[in-house]
Amino acid sequence: MTRCSKRHYKAKDGTAFAVDAATGRWTPVPSASQADDAGASTARQPQLALPWRAFDYDFASGAFAVNGLPLVIRPTREEDERRPDQQEHGDTGRTIWDGAVVLAKFLELRMASRVKGATVLEFGAGLGLTGLAAAALGASQVLLTDLPYCLSTLTRNRDATMDRWLGQQAEAEAAHVNVSVSSLDWRDPLESDAARILATQPEWSGGVDLLLGADVVWVEPLVQPFASAVAALMDRFGHPDTELWLAHQRRSDKTDSALWRAFAASGLRWEVVGFDDEVFGVDSLYAREGTVMRVIRVWRAGGTADDGDDGHGACNDGRTVHV
């Protein structure tokens, strides 16, 4: 049964919503232009013919694990949800998107040595899965960031996860990682609470080593604020080796093109990082290069990652490397 007799609503940013009969939750409805895109030929945009979710875990019980440690990821409580007319872009931070699972397992199986001991900030952490995966891998500091409506759920999931770790493995290194939760609005990143933590807490005095983002840019209006926020934090709190690792699900050619242009305009370089079935297992829909889910590495032009580069411009136009 739905919680509201009204089955359609429009948020203040113009996003339309309808009640999902199966869950009773408000879910975004594509706009007319998005619907037109979705109806375009599959030859041009095959990424639009997608299942809703590829990974089916009981996240709330801790069935999803990284480095042998359960991540307890529970949904947003009803009292913490904003009314649809107060939401922006669907308040998608209430959902575990497939990109979070992909990036969490990618970190575990391809980047564990890089994450261990690193300082890590997650953009658009939502329910916290990817950032907590970094904690499970032994990051020295983790900062989970999102808009204020996500923070209470992020805090509860952090506490539930780390309590579970302490309960099952009192000596586990991950159980003693400092995981903080703070607000970060991409439209004004350097005035955010997260920026104040980075600027004032001695644990972050060496800067941010890794930035993470899992399926955080799904509509074009989010693109420029995100790219600008990445560049601003890299400039203020990064160092020559700082990188963003992004799990990105293609939903629109227009949005993807805008993202690459925004990276280039912000002085950022990028490349697609290939991975194969060995990473996630043959049951994964996303464990093949060329599918709609991609892992992307982003860095500041002129940084250490540019050493020995091929000399392309600020955008690498989809160059694929394997790690």
Protein backbone atom coordinates (compact mmCIF):
# COMPACT_ATOMS: atom_id res chain seq x y z
CA MET A 1 0.00 0.00 0.00
CA THR A 2 1.31 3.44 -0.83
CA ARG A 3 1.74 6.04 1.86
CA CYS A 4 -0.04 8.74 -0.12
CA SER A 5 -3.25 8.66 -2.08
CA LYS A 6 -1.81 11.12 -4.60
CA ARG A 7 0.18 9.09 -7.12
CA HIS A 8 1.95 11.89 -9.03
CA TYR A 9 3.92 14.89 -7.81
CA LYS A 10 6.33 17.50 -9.17
CA ALA A 11 9.33 18.67 -7.12
CA LYS A 12 10.48 22.27 -6.93
CA ASP A 13 13.21 21.61 -9.51
CA GLY A 14 10.61 20.33 -11.98
CA THR A 15 11.33 16.62 -11.52
CA ALA A 16 8.14 14.56 -11.84
CA PHE A 17 7.46 11.63 -9.49
CA ALA A 18 5.07 8.71 -9.32
CA VAL A 19 4.45 6.20 -6.55
CA ASP A 20 6.08 2.82 -7.15
CA ALA A 21 3.29 0.34 -6.45
CA ALA A 22 5.74 -2.35 -5.33
CA THR A 23 7.63 -0.28 -2.77
CA GLY A 24 5.31 2.58 -1.95
CA ARG A 25 8.18 5.01 -2.62
CA TRP A 26 8.17 8.07 -4.85
CA THR A 27 10.37 7.46 -7.90
CA PRO A 28 11.46 9.91 -10.64
CA VAL A 29 9.52 9.87 -13.91
CA PRO A 30 11.47 10.70 -17.09
CA SER A 31 10.68 14.06 -18.63
CA ALA A 32 9.31 14.27 -22.15
CA SER A 33 12.79 14.90 -23.53
CA GLN A 34 14.21 12.00 -21.54
CA ALA A 35 11.40 9.79 -22.75
CA ASP A 36 12.21 10.81 -26.31
CA ASP A 37 15.84 9.88 -25.69
CA ALA A 38 14.74 6.56 -24.24
CA GLY A 39 12.69 5.90 -27.34
CA ALA A 40 15.59 6.55 -29.68
CA SER A 41 17.05 3.70 -31.64
CA THR A 42 18.82 1.08 -29.56
CA ALA A 43 21.61 1.14 -32.11
CA ARG A 44 22.32 4.74 -31.11
CA GLN A 45 21.67 4.45 -27.36
CA PRO A 46 21.63 0.80 -26.26
CA GLN A 47 22.37 1.92 -22.72
CA LEU A 48 18.74 2.92 -22.21
CA ALA A 49 17.44 -0.65 -22.41
CA LEU A 50 18.53 -1.63 -18.90
CA PRO A 51 17.27 -3.75 -16.04
CA TRP A 52 16.40 -1.78 -12.89
CA ARG A 53 19.08 -3.42 -10.78
CA ALA A 54 21.69 -6.07 -11.52
CA PHE A 55 22.87 -6.87 -7.99
CA ASP A 56 20.45 -8.41 -5.53
CA TYR A 57 21.94 -8.45 -2.03
CA ASP A 58 20.31 -8.22 1.37
CA PHE A 59 22.28 -5.08 2.12
CA ALA A 60 20.46 -4.34 5.37
CA SER A 61 21.65 -7.60 6.95
CA GLY A 62 25.27 -7.15 5.87
CA ALA A 63 25.12 -9.82 3.15
CA PHE A 64 27.35 -7.68 0.93
CA ALA A 65 30.96 -7.85 2.12
CA VAL A 66 34.27 -6.29 1.14
CA ASN A 67 37.59 -7.68 2.34
CA GLY A 68 35.62 -10.26 4.33
CA LEU A 69 33.80 -7.56 6.30
CA PRO A 70 30.03 -7.00 6.05
CA LEU A 71 28.67 -3.63 5.02
CA VAL A 72 25.38 -2.95 6.80
CA ILE A 73 23.50 -0.63 4.46
CA ARG A 74 19.96 0.13 5.53
CA PRO A 75 17.43 2.29 3.67
CA THR A 76 16.42 5.79 4.59
CA ARG A 77 13.77 5.89 7.30
CA GLU A 78 10.44 7.31 6.28
CA GLU A 79 10.73 10.20 8.72
CA ASP A 80 14.03 11.23 7.11
CA GLU A 81 12.64 11.40 3.59
CA ARG A 82 11.89 14.80 2.14
CA ARG A 83 8.52 15.55 0.63
CA PRO A 84 8.61 15.31 -3.16
CA ASP A 85 8.11 19.06 -3.53
CA GLN A 86 11.28 19.61 -1.46
CA GLN A 87 13.44 17.16 -3.39
CA GLU A 88 16.05 17.89 -6.04
CA HIS A 89 16.68 15.44 -8.86
CA GLY A 90 14.67 12.77 -7.10
CA ASP A 91 16.74 12.62 -3.89
CA THR A 92 18.49 9.61 -5.38
CA GLY A 93 20.75 9.32 -2.34
CA ARG A 94 18.08 7.10 -0.78
CA THR A 95 18.93 4.23 -3.14
CA ILE A 96 21.81 1.77 -3.55
CA TRP A 97 22.69 2.08 -7.21
CA ASP A 98 24.58 -0.60 -9.12
CA GLY A 99 27.52 1.76 -9.55
CA ALA A 100 28.16 1.65 -5.80
CA VAL A 101 28.44 -2.14 -5.92
CA VAL A 102 30.67 -2.07 -8.99
CA LEU A 103 33.04 0.50 -7.53
CA ALA A 104 33.16 -1.21 -4.12
CA LYS A 105 34.19 -4.52 -5.70
CA PHE A 106 36.56 -2.80 -8.11
CA LEU A 107 38.34 -1.19 -5.17
CA GLU A 108 38.59 -4.56 -3.44
CA LEU A 109 39.80 -6.59 -6.41
CA ARG A 110 41.85 -4.06 -8.37
CA MET A 111 42.86 -1.26 -5.98
CA ALA A 112 43.16 -2.71 -2.48
CA SER A 113 46.82 -1.76 -2.11
CA ARG A 114 46.10 1.79 -3.28
CA VAL A 115 43.19 2.23 -0.86
CA LYS A 116 45.01 0.83 2.17
CA GLY A 117 46.32 3.73 4.24
CA ALA A 118 44.82 6.35 1.90
CA THR A 119 42.66 9.33 2.76
CA VAL A 120 39.38 8.95 0.87
CA LEU A 121 36.44 11.27 0.19
CA GLU A 122 33.26 9.99 -1.44
CA PHE A 123 31.05 12.34 -3.44
CA GLY A 124 27.31 11.70 -3.30
CA ALA A 125 27.75 8.86 -0.82
CA GLY A 126 24.00 8.26 -0.52
CA LEU A 127 23.68 5.29 1.82
CA GLY A 128 27.46 4.92 2.20
CA LEU A 129 28.29 1.63 0.51
CA THR A 130 31.34 2.65 -1.53
CA GLY A 131 32.98 4.78 1.14
CA LEU A 132 32.49 2.05 3.73
CA ALA A 133 34.09 -0.38 1.28
CA ALA A 134 37.16 1.87 1.32
CA ALA A 135 37.12 1.71 5.12
CA ALA A 136 36.92 -2.09 4.96
CA LEU A 137 40.05 -2.05 2.82
CA GLY A 138 41.99 -0.13 5.48
CA ALA A 139 41.85 3.49 4.32
CA SER A 140 43.32 5.72 7.02
CA GLN A 141 40.52 8.32 6.81
CA VAL A 142 37.17 8.22 5.03
CA LEU A 143 34.84 11.19 4.58
CA LEU A 144 31.32 10.34 3.37
CA THR A 145 29.70 13.40 1.83
CA ASP A 146 26.28 14.21 0.45
CA LEU A 147 23.44 16.69 0.84
CA PRO A 148 22.01 17.17 4.34
CA TYR A 149 19.01 14.90 3.79
CA CYS A 150 21.36 11.90 3.50
CA LEU A 151 23.48 12.51 6.59
CA SER A 152 21.37 10.82 9.26
CA THR A 153 21.13 7.61 7.22
CA LEU A 154 24.84 7.76 6.38
CA THR A 155 25.66 8.09 10.06
CA ARG A 156 23.44 5.16 11.04
CA ASN A 157 24.92 2.93 8.34
CA ARG A 158 28.46 3.88 9.34
CA ASP A 159 27.73 3.10 12.98
CA ALA A 160 25.92 -0.17 12.22
CA THR A 161 28.72 -1.34 9.94
CA MET A 162 31.57 -0.49 12.28
CA ASP A 163 29.73 -1.94 15.28
CA ARG A 164 29.41 -5.18 13.33
CA TRP A 165 33.12 -5.16 12.57
CA LEU A 166 34.01 -4.60 16.20
CA GLY A 167 31.66 -7.37 17.22
CA GLN A 168 33.05 -10.01 14.89
CA GLN A 169 36.71 -8.98 14.69
CA ALA A 170 37.77 -6.74 17.55
CA GLU A 171 41.28 -6.49 16.13
CA ALA A 172 40.23 -5.80 12.56
CA GLU A 173 42.17 -2.80 11.28
CA ALA A 174 39.11 -1.52 9.45
CA ALA A 175 37.11 -1.30 12.67
CA HIS A 176 39.38 1.52 13.80
CA VAL A 177 39.33 3.60 10.62
CA ASN A 178 38.10 7.14 11.19
CA VAL A 179 34.93 7.46 9.08
CA SER A 180 33.32 10.91 9.13
CA VAL A 181 30.02 12.10 7.64
CA SER A 182 29.56 15.63 6.37
CA SER A 183 27.56 17.74 3.94
CA LEU A 184 28.94 18.76 0.57
CA ASP A 185 26.95 20.77 -1.95
CA TRP A 186 28.68 20.64 -5.33
CA ARG A 187 27.44 24.15 -6.11
CA ASP A 188 29.58 25.64 -3.33
CA PRO A 189 32.08 22.94 -2.35
CA LEU A 190 34.70 25.08 -0.64
CA GLU A 191 32.14 26.57 1.75
CA SER A 192 30.80 23.17 2.76
CA ASP A 193 31.14 21.42 6.11
CA ALA A 194 33.24 18.79 4.34
CA ALA A 195 35.73 21.45 3.22
CA ARG A 196 36.01 22.72 6.78
CA ILE A 197 36.89 19.21 7.96
CA LEU A 198 39.56 18.90 5.28
CA ALA A 199 40.97 22.32 6.12
CA THR A 200 41.04 22.08 9.92
CA GLN A 201 41.44 18.47 11.04
CA PRO A 202 45.06 17.33 11.33
CA GLU A 203 44.20 13.86 10.05
CA TRP A 204 43.64 15.45 6.64
CA SER A 205 46.73 17.67 6.67
CA GLY A 206 48.36 15.57 3.96
CA GLY A 207 45.44 16.14 1.62
CA VAL A 208 43.00 13.80 -0.06
CA ASP A 209 44.49 10.81 -1.86
CA LEU A 210 41.37 9.34 -3.47
CA LEU A 211 38.03 10.81 -4.47
CA LEU A 212 35.22 8.35 -5.19
CA GLY A 213 31.89 8.68 -6.95
CA ALA A 214 29.39 5.94 -7.77
CA ASP A 215 26.71 6.72 -10.36
CA VAL A 216 26.50 10.32 -9.18
CA VAL A 217 25.87 12.07 -12.52
CA TRP A 218 22.69 10.82 -14.13
CA VAL A 219 21.13 14.01 -15.55
CA GLU A 220 22.81 16.86 -17.38
CA PRO A 221 22.16 19.62 -14.78
CA LEU A 222 24.41 17.73 -12.34
CA VAL A 223 27.37 17.56 -14.72
CA GLN A 224 28.98 20.99 -14.44
CA PRO A 225 28.53 21.32 -10.64
CA PHE A 226 30.11 17.89 -10.18
CA ALA A 227 33.11 18.52 -12.44
CA SER A 228 33.67 21.93 -10.86
CA ALA A 229 33.48 20.46 -7.35
CA VAL A 230 36.00 17.74 -8.23
CA ALA A 231 38.42 20.31 -9.64
CA ALA A 232 37.95 22.66 -6.68
CA LEU A 233 38.65 19.96 -4.09
CA MET A 234 41.63 18.65 -6.04
CA ASP A 235 43.07 22.16 -6.24
CA ARG A 236 42.50 23.04 -2.58
CA PHE A 237 42.96 19.71 -0.82
CA GLY A 238 44.64 17.40 -3.31
CA HIS A 239 48.23 16.73 -4.35
CA PRO A 240 49.83 15.65 -7.65
CA ASP A 241 48.78 12.02 -7.14
CA THR A 242 45.15 12.71 -6.20
CA GLU A 243 42.64 10.91 -8.43
CA LEU A 244 38.90 10.51 -8.76
CA TRP A 245 37.61 7.00 -9.42
CA LEU A 246 34.12 7.07 -10.84
CA ALA A 247 31.66 4.26 -11.56
CA HIS A 248 29.45 5.71 -14.26
CA GLN A 249 26.38 4.17 -15.86
CA ARG A 250 25.58 5.49 -19.30
CA ARG A 251 22.00 6.67 -19.60
CA SER A 252 22.24 9.42 -22.19
CA ASP A 253 24.80 10.24 -24.85
CA LYS A 254 24.05 13.92 -24.24
CA THR A 255 24.85 13.66 -20.53
CA ASP A 256 28.04 11.69 -21.18
CA SER A 257 29.26 14.21 -23.75
CA ALA A 258 28.53 17.03 -21.33
CA LEU A 259 30.53 15.23 -18.63
CA TRP A 260 33.62 14.85 -20.82
CA ARG A 261 33.40 18.51 -21.86
CA ALA A 262 33.01 19.61 -18.24
CA PHE A 263 36.06 17.59 -17.18
CA ALA A 264 38.10 19.18 -19.96
CA ALA A 265 36.88 22.70 -19.15
CA SER A 266 37.84 22.13 -15.51
CA GLY A 267 41.38 21.08 -16.41
CA LEU A 268 40.75 17.40 -15.71
CA ARG A 269 41.89 14.40 -17.73
CA TRP A 270 40.13 11.05 -17.80
CA GLU A 271 40.33 7.52 -19.09
CA VAL A 272 38.08 4.48 -19.04
CA VAL A 273 39.58 1.63 -17.04
CA GLY A 274 38.76 -1.79 -18.42
CA PHE A 275 37.77 -4.76 -16.32
CA ASP A 276 36.50 -8.23 -17.11
CA ASP A 277 34.43 -11.11 -15.76
CA GLU A 278 37.13 -12.13 -13.31
CA VAL A 279 36.43 -9.02 -11.27
CA PHE A 280 32.81 -9.64 -10.43
CA GLY A 281 31.99 -13.15 -11.64
CA VAL A 282 30.11 -14.37 -14.65
CA ASP A 283 26.71 -13.48 -13.18
CA SER A 284 27.38 -9.75 -13.28
CA LEU A 285 25.71 -7.81 -16.08
CA TYR A 286 28.37 -5.13 -15.85
CA ALA A 287 31.58 -7.16 -15.79
CA ARG A 288 32.46 -6.67 -19.43
CA GLU A 289 34.22 -3.85 -21.18
CA GLY A 290 31.84 -2.07 -23.52
CA THR A 291 28.74 -2.44 -21.37
CA VAL A 292 26.89 0.49 -19.87
CA MET A 293 28.73 0.53 -16.53
CA ARG A 294 32.26 1.87 -16.71
CA VAL A 295 34.98 2.70 -14.21
CA ILE A 296 36.66 6.01 -15.03
CA ARG A 297 39.87 7.45 -13.62
CA VAL A 298 40.07 11.25 -13.46
CA TRP A 299 43.06 13.40 -12.53
CA ARG A 300 44.27 16.98 -12.69
CA ALA A 301 46.11 17.86 -15.90
CA GLY A 302 49.79 18.25 -15.11
CA GLY A 303 49.67 15.88 -12.14
CA THR A 304 51.81 12.81 -11.65
CA ALA A 305 49.35 10.71 -13.64
CA ASP A 306 50.29 12.73 -16.74
CA ASP A 307 53.87 11.42 -16.68
CA GLY A 308 54.47 9.46 -19.85
CA ASP A 309 51.02 10.34 -21.21
CA ASP A 310 50.31 10.23 -24.91
CA GLY A 311 49.97 13.99 -25.21
CA HIS A 312 46.26 14.10 -25.87
CA GLY A 313 44.33 17.16 -24.76
CA ALA A 314 42.57 17.61 -21.46
CA CYS A 315 40.04 14.93 -22.40
CA ASN A 316 41.31 11.55 -23.48
CA ASP A 317 38.21 10.76 -25.55
CA GLY A 318 37.55 7.39 -24.00
CA ARG A 319 41.00 5.85 -24.06
CA THR A 320 40.74 2.48 -22.32
CA VAL A 321 43.45 1.00 -20.13
CA HIS A 322 43.44 -2.14 -18.03
CA VAL A 323 44.52 -2.46 -14.41
